[in-house]
Amino acid sequence: MARTGTHIRVEVDDPDPHTLPVIRRAGAEDEQGRGMSLLDALVCRWGVEHGGEGKTVWCELDGT
């Protein structure tokens, strides 16, 4: 986690370089599948950076 100007950036490393995060619709009875939808609704922006042995999924929150 780091402050970058007016945003707070959060990064999570993932050793799997192939599977990318997907925003999907979870059904009312589903017990999983809501994480990326929640993230997308709450942050200013998010993305994926590839490098080395895996990838980094990051998001930026409004820090003001």
N, C-alpha and C. Protein backbone atom coordinates (compact mmCIF):
# COMPACT_ATOMS: atom_id res chain seq x y z
N MET A 1 0.86 -1.15 0.00
CA MET A 1 0.00 0.00 0.00
C MET A 1 0.91 1.22 0.00
N ALA A 2 0.54 2.20 -0.84
CA ALA A 2 1.33 3.43 -0.92
C ALA A 2 0.43 4.59 -1.32
N ARG A 3 0.78 5.76 -0.86
CA ARG A 3 0.06 6.97 -1.27
C ARG A 3 0.76 7.53 -2.50
N THR A 4 -0.02 7.79 -3.55
CA THR A 4 0.52 8.37 -4.78
C THR A 4 -0.29 9.61 -5.11
N GLY A 5 0.20 10.77 -4.71
CA GLY A 5 -0.55 12.00 -4.93
C GLY A 5 -1.82 12.01 -4.11
N THR A 6 -2.97 12.04 -4.78
CA THR A 6 -4.26 12.07 -4.08
C THR A 6 -4.90 10.69 -3.98
N HIS A 7 -4.16 9.64 -4.33
CA HIS A 7 -4.71 8.28 -4.31
C HIS A 7 -3.92 7.38 -3.37
N ILE A 8 -4.57 6.33 -2.92
CA ILE A 8 -3.92 5.27 -2.17
C ILE A 8 -3.91 4.05 -3.07
N ARG A 9 -2.72 3.52 -3.32
CA ARG A 9 -2.56 2.38 -4.23
C ARG A 9 -2.33 1.12 -3.41
N VAL A 10 -3.09 0.08 -3.72
CA VAL A 10 -2.96 -1.22 -3.07
C VAL A 10 -2.57 -2.22 -4.14
N GLU A 11 -1.53 -3.03 -3.87
CA GLU A 11 -1.07 -4.03 -4.82
C GLU A 11 -1.07 -5.41 -4.17
N VAL A 12 -1.47 -6.42 -4.94
CA VAL A 12 -1.45 -7.80 -4.47
C VAL A 12 -0.72 -8.62 -5.53
N ASP A 13 0.34 -9.32 -5.12
CA ASP A 13 1.08 -10.17 -6.04
C ASP A 13 0.42 -11.53 -6.14
N ASP A 14 0.41 -12.07 -7.36
CA ASP A 14 -0.18 -13.38 -7.65
C ASP A 14 0.82 -14.15 -8.49
N PRO A 15 1.25 -15.35 -8.05
CA PRO A 15 2.25 -16.09 -8.80
C PRO A 15 1.74 -16.67 -10.12
N ASP A 16 0.43 -16.70 -10.34
CA ASP A 16 -0.13 -17.24 -11.58
C ASP A 16 -0.15 -16.15 -12.66
N PRO A 17 0.71 -16.25 -13.69
CA PRO A 17 0.76 -15.20 -14.70
C PRO A 17 -0.35 -15.30 -15.74
N HIS A 18 -1.11 -16.38 -15.75
CA HIS A 18 -2.05 -16.64 -16.85
C HIS A 18 -3.49 -16.27 -16.54
N THR A 19 -3.98 -16.56 -15.35
CA THR A 19 -5.38 -16.30 -15.02
C THR A 19 -5.56 -14.84 -14.64
N LEU A 20 -6.41 -14.15 -15.39
CA LEU A 20 -6.65 -12.73 -15.12
C LEU A 20 -7.94 -12.54 -14.33
N PRO A 21 -8.01 -11.49 -13.51
CA PRO A 21 -9.24 -11.22 -12.78
C PRO A 21 -10.37 -10.86 -13.74
N VAL A 22 -11.57 -11.30 -13.41
CA VAL A 22 -12.74 -11.09 -14.26
C VAL A 22 -13.88 -10.55 -13.41
N ILE A 23 -14.54 -9.51 -13.92
CA ILE A 23 -15.75 -9.01 -13.26
C ILE A 23 -16.90 -9.84 -13.80
N ARG A 24 -17.62 -10.51 -12.91
CA ARG A 24 -18.75 -11.33 -13.35
C ARG A 24 -19.94 -11.09 -12.44
N ARG A 25 -21.08 -11.49 -12.93
CA ARG A 25 -22.31 -11.37 -12.14
C ARG A 25 -22.52 -12.64 -11.34
N ALA A 26 -22.57 -12.50 -10.05
CA ALA A 26 -22.85 -13.64 -9.20
C ALA A 26 -24.35 -13.70 -8.97
N GLY A 27 -24.89 -14.90 -8.97
CA GLY A 27 -26.30 -15.09 -8.68
C GLY A 27 -26.59 -14.87 -7.20
N ALA A 28 -27.83 -14.67 -6.87
CA ALA A 28 -28.23 -14.39 -5.48
C ALA A 28 -27.82 -15.51 -4.53
N GLU A 29 -27.78 -16.74 -5.01
CA GLU A 29 -27.43 -17.89 -4.17
C GLU A 29 -25.96 -18.28 -4.26
N ASP A 30 -25.19 -17.64 -5.14
CA ASP A 30 -23.76 -17.97 -5.28
C ASP A 30 -23.00 -17.58 -4.02
N GLU A 31 -22.05 -18.43 -3.63
CA GLU A 31 -21.24 -18.17 -2.45
C GLU A 31 -19.89 -17.57 -2.80
N GLN A 32 -19.63 -17.34 -4.05
CA GLN A 32 -18.38 -16.72 -4.49
C GLN A 32 -18.62 -15.94 -5.77
N GLY A 33 -17.60 -15.21 -6.23
CA GLY A 33 -17.70 -14.51 -7.49
C GLY A 33 -18.06 -13.04 -7.40
N ARG A 34 -17.97 -12.45 -6.21
CA ARG A 34 -18.33 -11.05 -6.05
C ARG A 34 -17.14 -10.11 -5.85
N GLY A 35 -15.97 -10.66 -5.62
CA GLY A 35 -14.80 -9.86 -5.25
C GLY A 35 -14.45 -8.76 -6.23
N MET A 36 -14.31 -9.09 -7.50
CA MET A 36 -13.91 -8.09 -8.48
C MET A 36 -15.03 -7.09 -8.75
N SER A 37 -16.28 -7.51 -8.65
CA SER A 37 -17.39 -6.57 -8.80
C SER A 37 -17.39 -5.54 -7.68
N LEU A 38 -17.13 -6.00 -6.45
CA LEU A 38 -17.04 -5.08 -5.32
C LEU A 38 -15.86 -4.13 -5.49
N LEU A 39 -14.72 -4.68 -5.87
CA LEU A 39 -13.54 -3.86 -6.09
C LEU A 39 -13.81 -2.79 -7.14
N ASP A 40 -14.39 -3.18 -8.26
CA ASP A 40 -14.67 -2.26 -9.36
C ASP A 40 -15.62 -1.14 -8.92
N ALA A 41 -16.56 -1.46 -8.04
CA ALA A 41 -17.52 -0.46 -7.57
C ALA A 41 -16.92 0.53 -6.57
N LEU A 42 -15.88 0.11 -5.84
CA LEU A 42 -15.35 0.91 -4.75
C LEU A 42 -14.11 1.74 -5.07
N VAL A 43 -13.37 1.37 -6.10
CA VAL A 43 -12.10 2.04 -6.38
C VAL A 43 -12.20 2.98 -7.57
N CYS A 44 -11.23 3.88 -7.67
CA CYS A 44 -11.17 4.81 -8.80
C CYS A 44 -10.79 4.08 -10.08
N ARG A 45 -9.83 3.17 -9.96
CA ARG A 45 -9.40 2.36 -11.10
C ARG A 45 -8.60 1.17 -10.58
N TRP A 46 -8.47 0.17 -11.44
CA TRP A 46 -7.69 -1.01 -11.09
C TRP A 46 -7.11 -1.60 -12.36
N GLY A 47 -6.11 -2.47 -12.19
CA GLY A 47 -5.50 -3.08 -13.36
C GLY A 47 -4.57 -4.21 -12.97
N VAL A 48 -3.88 -4.74 -13.98
CA VAL A 48 -2.97 -5.86 -13.81
C VAL A 48 -1.66 -5.52 -14.49
N GLU A 49 -0.55 -5.80 -13.82
CA GLU A 49 0.78 -5.63 -14.40
C GLU A 49 1.47 -6.99 -14.39
N HIS A 50 2.01 -7.38 -15.53
CA HIS A 50 2.73 -8.65 -15.64
C HIS A 50 4.22 -8.39 -15.46
N GLY A 51 4.88 -9.35 -14.86
CA GLY A 51 6.32 -9.22 -14.70
C GLY A 51 6.89 -10.38 -13.91
N GLY A 52 8.11 -10.73 -14.21
CA GLY A 52 8.78 -11.79 -13.47
C GLY A 52 8.05 -13.11 -13.54
N GLU A 53 7.73 -13.65 -12.39
CA GLU A 53 7.12 -14.98 -12.28
C GLU A 53 5.61 -14.96 -12.14
N GLY A 54 4.98 -13.82 -12.27
CA GLY A 54 3.53 -13.77 -12.07
C GLY A 54 2.95 -12.44 -12.50
N LYS A 55 2.03 -11.94 -11.69
CA LYS A 55 1.39 -10.66 -12.00
C LYS A 55 1.10 -9.92 -10.70
N THR A 56 0.83 -8.63 -10.84
CA THR A 56 0.41 -7.80 -9.71
C THR A 56 -0.94 -7.20 -10.06
N VAL A 57 -1.93 -7.42 -9.22
CA VAL A 57 -3.24 -6.79 -9.39
C VAL A 57 -3.24 -5.59 -8.45
N TRP A 58 -3.61 -4.43 -8.98
CA TRP A 58 -3.55 -3.20 -8.20
C TRP A 58 -4.86 -2.44 -8.30
N CYS A 59 -5.09 -1.57 -7.33
CA CYS A 59 -6.23 -0.66 -7.38
C CYS A 59 -5.84 0.65 -6.73
N GLU A 60 -6.55 1.70 -7.09
CA GLU A 60 -6.33 3.01 -6.49
C GLU A 60 -7.63 3.54 -5.90
N LEU A 61 -7.54 3.96 -4.65
CA LEU A 61 -8.67 4.55 -3.92
C LEU A 61 -8.45 6.04 -3.80
N ASP A 62 -9.52 6.80 -3.76
CA ASP A 62 -9.43 8.24 -3.55
C ASP A 62 -8.92 8.48 -2.14
N GLY A 63 -7.80 9.16 -2.02
CA GLY A 63 -7.19 9.40 -0.72
C GLY A 63 -7.45 10.77 -0.15
N THR A 64 -8.37 11.52 -0.77
CA THR A 64 -8.63 12.87 -0.26
C THR A 64 -9.71 12.87 0.80
